[in-house]
Amino acid sequence: MTTVLLVIISAVFGTAALLTVWRIIVGPSILDRAVAADVLLTLLICVLGAEMAINHHTRTLPLLLIVAAVGVFGSISIARFVARKDGGGQ
């Protein structure tokens, strides 16, 4: 039962990651790519959290926090870049 559940979870996360990578490649705008990158980082956080819950440990918690910080700082950087490009951020 547990093995079947792990296969289903892996398939769902893998499919979501592939579709997200497709959106990053196809675009069409930089904001579409930025949102897709945020979704990909969120998927990575979910996978790390699921792995910690399944294996009953917290060893990957620092990695999870680093990935979350990279996502936040990346989103802020892209928002500032787009604001400057549009002439809104002075």
PDB file of N, CA and C in Angstrom:
ATOM      1  N   MET A   1       0.823  -1.198   0.000  1.00  0.00           N
ATOM      2  CA  MET A   1       0.000   0.000   0.000  1.00  0.00           C
ATOM      3  C   MET A   1       0.867   1.262   0.000  1.00  0.00           C
ATOM      4  N   THR A   2       1.896   1.288   0.831  1.00  0.00           N
ATOM      5  CA  THR A   2       2.766   2.450   0.911  1.00  0.00           C
ATOM      6  C   THR A   2       3.532   2.658  -0.396  1.00  0.00           C
ATOM      7  N   THR A   3       3.965   1.569  -1.004  1.00  0.00           N
ATOM      8  CA  THR A   3       4.701   1.667  -2.262  1.00  0.00           C
ATOM      9  C   THR A   3       3.825   2.245  -3.365  1.00  0.00           C
ATOM     10  N   VAL A   4       2.578   1.827  -3.425  1.00  0.00           N
ATOM     11  CA  VAL A   4       1.648   2.346  -4.434  1.00  0.00           C
ATOM     12  C   VAL A   4       1.433   3.841  -4.221  1.00  0.00           C
ATOM     13  N   LEU A   5       1.291   4.232  -2.962  1.00  0.00           N
ATOM     14  CA  LEU A   5       1.099   5.648  -2.649  1.00  0.00           C
ATOM     15  C   LEU A   5       2.331   6.468  -3.032  1.00  0.00           C
ATOM     16  N   LEU A   6       3.518   5.934  -2.782  1.00  0.00           N
ATOM     17  CA  LEU A   6       4.743   6.633  -3.163  1.00  0.00           C
ATOM     18  C   LEU A   6       4.872   6.780  -4.677  1.00  0.00           C
ATOM     19  N   VAL A   7       4.469   5.768  -5.411  1.00  0.00           N
ATOM     20  CA  VAL A   7       4.514   5.840  -6.879  1.00  0.00           C
ATOM     21  C   VAL A   7       3.540   6.903  -7.382  1.00  0.00           C
ATOM     22  N   ILE A   8       2.353   6.962  -6.791  1.00  0.00           N
ATOM     23  CA  ILE A   8       1.360   7.958  -7.207  1.00  0.00           C
ATOM     24  C   ILE A   8       1.855   9.365  -6.884  1.00  0.00           C
ATOM     25  N   ILE A   9       2.390   9.555  -5.680  1.00  0.00           N
ATOM     26  CA  ILE A   9       2.920  10.866  -5.291  1.00  0.00           C
ATOM     27  C   ILE A   9       4.060  11.276  -6.217  1.00  0.00           C
ATOM     28  N   SER A  10       4.955  10.353  -6.513  1.00  0.00           N
ATOM     29  CA  SER A  10       6.068  10.650  -7.414  1.00  0.00           C
ATOM     30  C   SER A  10       5.583  11.013  -8.805  1.00  0.00           C
ATOM     31  N   ALA A  11       4.582  10.307  -9.287  1.00  0.00           N
ATOM     32  CA  ALA A  11       4.040  10.595 -10.616  1.00  0.00           C
ATOM     33  C   ALA A  11       3.399  11.976 -10.668  1.00  0.00           C
ATOM     34  N   VAL A  12       2.660  12.333  -9.634  1.00  0.00           N
ATOM     35  CA  VAL A  12       2.011  13.642  -9.605  1.00  0.00           C
ATOM     36  C   VAL A  12       3.049  14.757  -9.542  1.00  0.00           C
ATOM     37  N   PHE A  13       4.031  14.630  -8.650  1.00  0.00           N
ATOM     38  CA  PHE A  13       5.077  15.647  -8.555  1.00  0.00           C
ATOM     39  C   PHE A  13       5.904  15.714  -9.838  1.00  0.00           C
ATOM     40  N   GLY A  14       6.216  14.579 -10.420  1.00  0.00           N
ATOM     41  CA  GLY A  14       6.990  14.560 -11.662  1.00  0.00           C
ATOM     42  C   GLY A  14       6.253  15.203 -12.817  1.00  0.00           C
ATOM     43  N   THR A  15       4.965  14.891 -12.954  1.00  0.00           N
ATOM     44  CA  THR A  15       4.157  15.493 -14.015  1.00  0.00           C
ATOM     45  C   THR A  15       4.052  16.996 -13.833  1.00  0.00           C
ATOM     46  N   ALA A  16       3.819  17.430 -12.603  1.00  0.00           N
ATOM     47  CA  ALA A  16       3.737  18.866 -12.326  1.00  0.00           C
ATOM     48  C   ALA A  16       5.060  19.559 -12.642  1.00  0.00           C
ATOM     49  N   ALA A  17       6.171  18.925 -12.294  1.00  0.00           N
ATOM     50  CA  ALA A  17       7.478  19.517 -12.576  1.00  0.00           C
ATOM     51  C   ALA A  17       7.735  19.609 -14.082  1.00  0.00           C
ATOM     52  N   LEU A  18       7.388  18.574 -14.821  1.00  0.00           N
ATOM     53  CA  LEU A  18       7.585  18.607 -16.277  1.00  0.00           C
ATOM     54  C   LEU A  18       6.734  19.690 -16.934  1.00  0.00           C
ATOM     55  N   LEU A  19       5.488  19.826 -16.505  1.00  0.00           N
ATOM     56  CA  LEU A  19       4.625  20.874 -17.061  1.00  0.00           C
ATOM     57  C   LEU A  19       5.145  22.264 -16.700  1.00  0.00           C
ATOM     58  N   THR A  20       5.688  22.394 -15.508  1.00  0.00           N
ATOM     59  CA  THR A  20       6.241  23.680 -15.088  1.00  0.00           C
ATOM     60  C   THR A  20       7.496  24.023 -15.877  1.00  0.00           C
ATOM     61  N   VAL A  21       8.359  23.054 -16.091  1.00  0.00           N
ATOM     62  CA  VAL A  21       9.554  23.288 -16.911  1.00  0.00           C
ATOM     63  C   VAL A  21       9.150  23.656 -18.335  1.00  0.00           C
ATOM     64  N   TRP A  22       8.108  23.033 -18.839  1.00  0.00           N
ATOM     65  CA  TRP A  22       7.599  23.377 -20.177  1.00  0.00           C
ATOM     66  C   TRP A  22       7.173  24.838 -20.217  1.00  0.00           C
ATOM     67  N   ARG A  23       6.486  25.313 -19.167  1.00  0.00           N
ATOM     68  CA  ARG A  23       6.054  26.706 -19.128  1.00  0.00           C
ATOM     69  C   ARG A  23       7.258  27.643 -19.035  1.00  0.00           C
ATOM     70  N   ILE A  24       8.305  27.226 -18.338  1.00  0.00           N
ATOM     71  CA  ILE A  24       9.508  28.055 -18.267  1.00  0.00           C
ATOM     72  C   ILE A  24      10.158  28.163 -19.644  1.00  0.00           C
ATOM     73  N   ILE A  25      10.174  27.083 -20.397  1.00  0.00           N
ATOM     74  CA  ILE A  25      10.801  27.082 -21.725  1.00  0.00           C
ATOM     75  C   ILE A  25       9.966  27.873 -22.726  1.00  0.00           C
ATOM     76  N   VAL A  26       8.657  27.640 -22.727  1.00  0.00           N
ATOM     77  CA  VAL A  26       7.784  28.234 -23.739  1.00  0.00           C
ATOM     78  C   VAL A  26       7.500  29.703 -23.463  1.00  0.00           C
ATOM     79  N   GLY A  27       7.333  30.064 -22.225  1.00  0.00           N
ATOM     80  CA  GLY A  27       7.081  31.462 -21.878  1.00  0.00           C
ATOM     81  C   GLY A  27       5.612  31.840 -21.976  1.00  0.00           C
ATOM     82  N   PRO A  28       5.184  32.779 -22.708  1.00  0.00           N
ATOM     83  CA  PRO A  28       5.896  33.636 -23.656  1.00  0.00           C
ATOM     84  C   PRO A  28       6.540  34.864 -23.015  1.00  0.00           C
ATOM     85  N   SER A  29       6.061  35.309 -21.864  1.00  0.00           N
ATOM     86  CA  SER A  29       6.638  36.521 -21.279  1.00  0.00           C
ATOM     87  C   SER A  29       7.540  36.167 -20.099  1.00  0.00           C
ATOM     88  N   ILE A  30       8.296  37.158 -19.665  1.00  0.00           N
ATOM     89  CA  ILE A  30       9.183  36.943 -18.527  1.00  0.00           C
ATOM     90  C   ILE A  30       8.379  36.693 -17.250  1.00  0.00           C
ATOM     91  N   LEU A  31       7.203  37.300 -17.146  1.00  0.00           N
ATOM     92  CA  LEU A  31       6.380  37.073 -15.960  1.00  0.00           C
ATOM     93  C   LEU A  31       5.836  35.643 -15.922  1.00  0.00           C
ATOM     94  N   ASP A  32       5.488  35.079 -17.084  1.00  0.00           N
ATOM     95  CA  ASP A  32       5.073  33.678 -17.136  1.00  0.00           C
ATOM     96  C   ASP A  32       6.205  32.769 -16.670  1.00  0.00           C
ATOM     97  N   ARG A  33       7.400  33.071 -17.117  1.00  0.00           N
ATOM     98  CA  ARG A  33       8.564  32.273 -16.709  1.00  0.00           C
ATOM     99  C   ARG A  33       8.853  32.440 -15.215  1.00  0.00           C
ATOM    100  N   ALA A  34       8.676  33.646 -14.692  1.00  0.00           N
ATOM    101  CA  ALA A  34       8.918  33.888 -13.270  1.00  0.00           C
ATOM    102  C   ALA A  34       7.909  33.136 -12.408  1.00  0.00           C
ATOM    103  N   VAL A  35       6.658  33.165 -12.802  1.00  0.00           N
ATOM    104  CA  VAL A  35       5.634  32.424 -12.050  1.00  0.00           C
ATOM    105  C   VAL A  35       5.912  30.929 -12.119  1.00  0.00           C
ATOM    106  N   ALA A  36       6.302  30.442 -13.286  1.00  0.00           N
ATOM    107  CA  ALA A  36       6.619  29.021 -13.421  1.00  0.00           C
ATOM    108  C   ALA A  36       7.826  28.638 -12.564  1.00  0.00           C
ATOM    109  N   ALA A  37       8.816  29.512 -12.484  1.00  0.00           N
ATOM    110  CA  ALA A  37       9.977  29.229 -11.629  1.00  0.00           C
ATOM    111  C   ALA A  37       9.561  29.188 -10.166  1.00  0.00           C
ATOM    112  N   ASP A  38       8.666  30.085  -9.767  1.00  0.00           N
ATOM    113  CA  ASP A  38       8.152  30.050  -8.394  1.00  0.00           C
ATOM    114  C   ASP A  38       7.384  28.759  -8.126  1.00  0.00           C
ATOM    115  N   VAL A  39       6.608  28.330  -9.094  1.00  0.00           N
ATOM    116  CA  VAL A  39       5.866  27.070  -8.941  1.00  0.00           C
ATOM    117  C   VAL A  39       6.833  25.899  -8.832  1.00  0.00           C
ATOM    118  N   LEU A  40       7.895  25.919  -9.629  1.00  0.00           N
ATOM    119  CA  LEU A  40       8.884  24.840  -9.566  1.00  0.00           C
ATOM    120  C   LEU A  40       9.585  24.801  -8.203  1.00  0.00           C
ATOM    121  N   LEU A  41       9.918  25.956  -7.675  1.00  0.00           N
ATOM    122  CA  LEU A  41      10.517  25.992  -6.341  1.00  0.00           C
ATOM    123  C   LEU A  41       9.527  25.532  -5.280  1.00  0.00           C
ATOM    124  N   THR A  42       8.269  25.888  -5.433  1.00  0.00           N
ATOM    125  CA  THR A  42       7.238  25.428  -4.500  1.00  0.00           C
ATOM    126  C   THR A  42       7.088  23.913  -4.575  1.00  0.00           C
ATOM    127  N   LEU A  43       7.144  23.364  -5.764  1.00  0.00           N
ATOM    128  CA  LEU A  43       7.102  21.906  -5.913  1.00  0.00           C
ATOM    129  C   LEU A  43       8.289  21.250  -5.224  1.00  0.00           C
ATOM    130  N   LEU A  44       9.462  21.856  -5.367  1.00  0.00           N
ATOM    131  CA  LEU A  44      10.647  21.315  -4.705  1.00  0.00           C
ATOM    132  C   LEU A  44      10.484  21.344  -3.183  1.00  0.00           C
ATOM    133  N   ILE A  45       9.926  22.425  -2.670  1.00  0.00           N
ATOM    134  CA  ILE A  45       9.670  22.516  -1.235  1.00  0.00           C
ATOM    135  C   ILE A  45       8.686  21.439  -0.797  1.00  0.00           C
ATOM    136  N   CYS A  46       7.646  21.226  -1.591  1.00  0.00           N
ATOM    137  CA  CYS A  46       6.662  20.182  -1.262  1.00  0.00           C
ATOM    138  C   CYS A  46       7.290  18.789  -1.294  1.00  0.00           C
ATOM    139  N   VAL A  47       8.136  18.544  -2.275  1.00  0.00           N
ATOM    140  CA  VAL A  47       8.809  17.238  -2.363  1.00  0.00           C
ATOM    141  C   VAL A  47       9.717  17.021  -1.157  1.00  0.00           C
ATOM    142  N   LEU A  48      10.471  18.050  -0.784  1.00  0.00           N
ATOM    143  CA  LEU A  48      11.340  17.931   0.387  1.00  0.00           C
ATOM    144  C   LEU A  48      10.527  17.710   1.665  1.00  0.00           C
ATOM    145  N   GLY A  49       9.427  18.425   1.788  1.00  0.00           N
ATOM    146  CA  GLY A  49       8.566  18.241   2.951  1.00  0.00           C
ATOM    147  C   GLY A  49       7.939  16.859   2.991  1.00  0.00           C
ATOM    148  N   ALA A  50       7.510  16.363   1.838  1.00  0.00           N
ATOM    149  CA  ALA A  50       6.930  15.022   1.779  1.00  0.00           C
ATOM    150  C   ALA A  50       7.979  13.963   2.107  1.00  0.00           C
ATOM    151  N   GLU A  51       9.195  14.173   1.610  1.00  0.00           N
ATOM    152  CA  GLU A  51      10.267  13.218   1.910  1.00  0.00           C
ATOM    153  C   GLU A  51      10.582  13.192   3.402  1.00  0.00           C
ATOM    154  N   MET A  52      10.573  14.366   4.034  1.00  0.00           N
ATOM    155  CA  MET A  52      10.814  14.406   5.475  1.00  0.00           C
ATOM    156  C   MET A  52       9.689  13.712   6.240  1.00  0.00           C
ATOM    157  N   ALA A  53       8.450  13.908   5.808  1.00  0.00           N
ATOM    158  CA  ALA A  53       7.325  13.279   6.494  1.00  0.00           C
ATOM    159  C   ALA A  53       7.328  11.761   6.308  1.00  0.00           C
ATOM    160  N   ILE A  54       7.657  11.306   5.111  1.00  0.00           N
ATOM    161  CA  ILE A  54       7.661   9.869   4.828  1.00  0.00           C
ATOM    162  C   ILE A  54       8.767   9.164   5.603  1.00  0.00           C
ATOM    163  N   ASN A  55       9.949   9.772   5.651  1.00  0.00           N
ATOM    164  CA  ASN A  55      11.103   9.139   6.301  1.00  0.00           C
ATOM    165  C   ASN A  55      11.288   9.536   7.767  1.00  0.00           C
ATOM    166  N   HIS A  56      10.383  10.348   8.289  1.00  0.00           N
ATOM    167  CA  HIS A  56      10.391  10.732   9.706  1.00  0.00           C
ATOM    168  C   HIS A  56      11.723  11.332  10.152  1.00  0.00           C
ATOM    169  N   HIS A  57      12.163  12.388   9.453  1.00  0.00           N
ATOM    170  CA  HIS A  57      13.388  13.077   9.851  1.00  0.00           C
ATOM    171  C   HIS A  57      13.271  14.550   9.497  1.00  0.00           C
ATOM    172  N   THR A  58      14.236  15.330   9.968  1.00  0.00           N
ATOM    173  CA  THR A  58      14.275  16.760   9.650  1.00  0.00           C
ATOM    174  C   THR A  58      15.646  17.170   9.108  1.00  0.00           C
ATOM    175  N   ARG A  59      16.389  16.241   8.576  1.00  0.00           N
ATOM    176  CA  ARG A  59      17.737  16.536   8.085  1.00  0.00           C
ATOM    177  C   ARG A  59      17.743  17.495   6.906  1.00  0.00           C
ATOM    178  N   THR A  60      16.705  17.493   6.097  1.00  0.00           N
ATOM    179  CA  THR A  60      16.685  18.356   4.919  1.00  0.00           C
ATOM    180  C   THR A  60      15.973  19.681   5.179  1.00  0.00           C
ATOM    181  N   LEU A  61      15.651  19.969   6.427  1.00  0.00           N
ATOM    182  CA  LEU A  61      14.992  21.229   6.756  1.00  0.00           C
ATOM    183  C   LEU A  61      15.837  22.451   6.393  1.00  0.00           C
ATOM    184  N   PRO A  62      17.160  22.460   6.635  1.00  0.00           N
ATOM    185  CA  PRO A  62      17.949  23.624   6.192  1.00  0.00           C
ATOM    186  C   PRO A  62      17.893  23.830   4.673  1.00  0.00           C
ATOM    187  N   LEU A  63      17.926  22.758   3.914  1.00  0.00           N
ATOM    188  CA  LEU A  63      17.809  22.867   2.459  1.00  0.00           C
ATOM    189  C   LEU A  63      16.447  23.434   2.072  1.00  0.00           C
ATOM    190  N   LEU A  64      15.408  23.000   2.739  1.00  0.00           N
ATOM    191  CA  LEU A  64      14.065  23.497   2.477  1.00  0.00           C
ATOM    192  C   LEU A  64      13.994  25.001   2.736  1.00  0.00           C
ATOM    193  N   LEU A  65      14.585  25.461   3.805  1.00  0.00           N
ATOM    194  CA  LEU A  65      14.576  26.883   4.121  1.00  0.00           C
ATOM    195  C   LEU A  65      15.396  27.696   3.118  1.00  0.00           C
ATOM    196  N   ILE A  66      16.507  27.150   2.653  1.00  0.00           N
ATOM    197  CA  ILE A  66      17.325  27.842   1.650  1.00  0.00           C
ATOM    198  C   ILE A  66      16.566  27.963   0.338  1.00  0.00           C
ATOM    199  N   VAL A  67      15.892  26.911  -0.076  1.00  0.00           N
ATOM    200  CA  VAL A  67      15.114  26.952  -1.316  1.00  0.00           C
ATOM    201  C   VAL A  67      13.984  27.975  -1.194  1.00  0.00           C
ATOM    202  N   ALA A  68      13.344  28.041  -0.037  1.00  0.00           N
ATOM    203  CA  ALA A  68      12.281  29.025   0.170  1.00  0.00           C
ATOM    204  C   ALA A  68      12.838  30.450   0.096  1.00  0.00           C
ATOM    205  N   ALA A  69      13.996  30.682   0.691  1.00  0.00           N
ATOM    206  CA  ALA A  69      14.610  32.010   0.645  1.00  0.00           C
ATOM    207  C   ALA A  69      14.996  32.395  -0.780  1.00  0.00           C
ATOM    208  N   VAL A  70      15.534  31.453  -1.534  1.00  0.00           N
ATOM    209  CA  VAL A  70      15.884  31.729  -2.935  1.00  0.00           C
ATOM    210  C   VAL A  70      14.627  32.103  -3.725  1.00  0.00           C
ATOM    211  N   GLY A  71      13.537  31.423  -3.470  1.00  0.00           N
ATOM    212  CA  GLY A  71      12.279  31.740  -4.155  1.00  0.00           C
ATOM    213  C   GLY A  71      11.785  33.134  -3.846  1.00  0.00           C
ATOM    214  N   VAL A  72      11.844  33.522  -2.582  1.00  0.00           N
ATOM    215  CA  VAL A  72      11.387  34.856  -2.186  1.00  0.00           C
ATOM    216  C   VAL A  72      12.271  35.931  -2.799  1.00  0.00           C
ATOM    217  N   PHE A  73      13.590  35.775  -2.673  1.00  0.00           N
ATOM    218  CA  PHE A  73      14.495  36.781  -3.212  1.00  0.00           C
ATOM    219  C   PHE A  73      14.435  36.837  -4.738  1.00  0.00           C
ATOM    220  N   GLY A  74      14.234  35.710  -5.373  1.00  0.00           N
ATOM    221  CA  GLY A  74      14.086  35.696  -6.823  1.00  0.00           C
ATOM    222  C   GLY A  74      12.832  36.424  -7.275  1.00  0.00           C
ATOM    223  N   SER A  75      11.738  36.196  -6.577  1.00  0.00           N
ATOM    224  CA  SER A  75      10.484  36.881  -6.920  1.00  0.00           C
ATOM    225  C   SER A  75      10.609  38.384  -6.737  1.00  0.00           C
ATOM    226  N   ILE A  76      11.248  38.797  -5.650  1.00  0.00           N
ATOM    227  CA  ILE A  76      11.435  40.230  -5.410  1.00  0.00           C
ATOM    228  C   ILE A  76      12.317  40.844  -6.489  1.00  0.00           C
ATOM    229  N   SER A  77      13.374  40.152  -6.873  1.00  0.00           N
ATOM    230  CA  SER A  77      14.273  40.670  -7.914  1.00  0.00           C
ATOM    231  C   SER A  77      13.564  40.823  -9.244  1.00  0.00           C
ATOM    232  N   ILE A  78      12.776  39.839  -9.609  1.00  0.00           N
ATOM    233  CA  ILE A  78      12.053  39.910 -10.884  1.00  0.00           C
ATOM    234  C   ILE A  78      11.007  41.010 -10.849  1.00  0.00           C
ATOM    235  N   ALA A  79      10.318  41.160  -9.719  1.00  0.00           N
ATOM    236  CA  ALA A  79       9.318  42.220  -9.598  1.00  0.00           C
ATOM    237  C   ALA A  79       9.963  43.597  -9.733  1.00  0.00           C
ATOM    238  N   ARG A  80      11.131  43.765  -9.114  1.00  0.00           N
ATOM    239  CA  ARG A  80      11.830  45.054  -9.234  1.00  0.00           C
ATOM    240  C   ARG A  80      12.307  45.299 -10.667  1.00  0.00           C
ATOM    241  N   PHE A  81      12.785  44.254 -11.331  1.00  0.00           N
ATOM    242  CA  PHE A  81      13.243  44.383 -12.716  1.00  0.00           C
ATOM    243  C   PHE A  81      12.092  44.783 -13.629  1.00  0.00           C
ATOM    244  N   VAL A  82      10.949  44.121 -13.465  1.00  0.00           N
ATOM    245  CA  VAL A  82       9.791  44.421 -14.315  1.00  0.00           C
ATOM    246  C   VAL A  82       9.265  45.823 -14.018  1.00  0.00           C
ATOM    247  N   ALA A  83       9.281  46.227 -12.740  1.00  0.00           N
ATOM    248  CA  ALA A  83       8.822  47.573 -12.394  1.00  0.00           C
ATOM    249  C   ALA A  83       9.720  48.633 -13.028  1.00  0.00           C
ATOM    250  N   ARG A  84      11.018  48.404 -13.030  1.00  0.00           N
ATOM    251  CA  ARG A  84      11.939  49.380 -13.659  1.00  0.00           C
ATOM    252  C   ARG A  84      11.762  49.395 -15.171  1.00  0.00           C
ATOM    253  N   LYS A  85      11.531  48.222 -15.755  1.00  0.00           N
ATOM    254  CA  LYS A  85      11.361  48.133 -17.198  1.00  0.00           C
ATOM    255  C   LYS A  85      10.104  48.871 -17.642  1.00  0.00           C
ATOM    256  N   ASP A  86       9.046  48.809 -16.815  1.00  0.00           N
ATOM    257  CA  ASP A  86       7.800  49.477 -17.148  1.00  0.00           C
ATOM    258  C   ASP A  86       7.819  50.957 -16.774  1.00  0.00           C
ATOM    259  N   GLY A  87       8.858  51.406 -16.075  1.00  0.00           N
ATOM    260  CA  GLY A  87       8.963  52.800 -15.688  1.00  0.00           C
ATOM    261  C   GLY A  87       8.250  53.110 -14.387  1.00  0.00           C
ATOM    262  N   GLY A  88       7.770  52.085 -13.666  1.00  0.00           N
ATOM    263  CA  GLY A  88       7.039  52.320 -12.429  1.00  0.00           C
ATOM    264  C   GLY A  88       7.928  52.470 -11.221  1.00  0.00           C
ATOM    265  N   GLY A  89       9.099  51.826 -11.193  1.00  0.00           N
ATOM    266  CA  GLY A  89       9.973  51.894 -10.025  1.00  0.00           C
ATOM    267  C   GLY A  89      11.062  52.929 -10.217  1.00  0.00           C
ATOM    268  N   GLN A  90      11.090  53.930  -9.376  1.00  0.00           N
ATOM    269  CA  GLN A  90      12.087  54.989  -9.546  1.00  0.00           C
ATOM    270  C   GLN A  90      13.053  55.032  -8.423  1.00  0.00           C
TER     271      GLN A  90
END
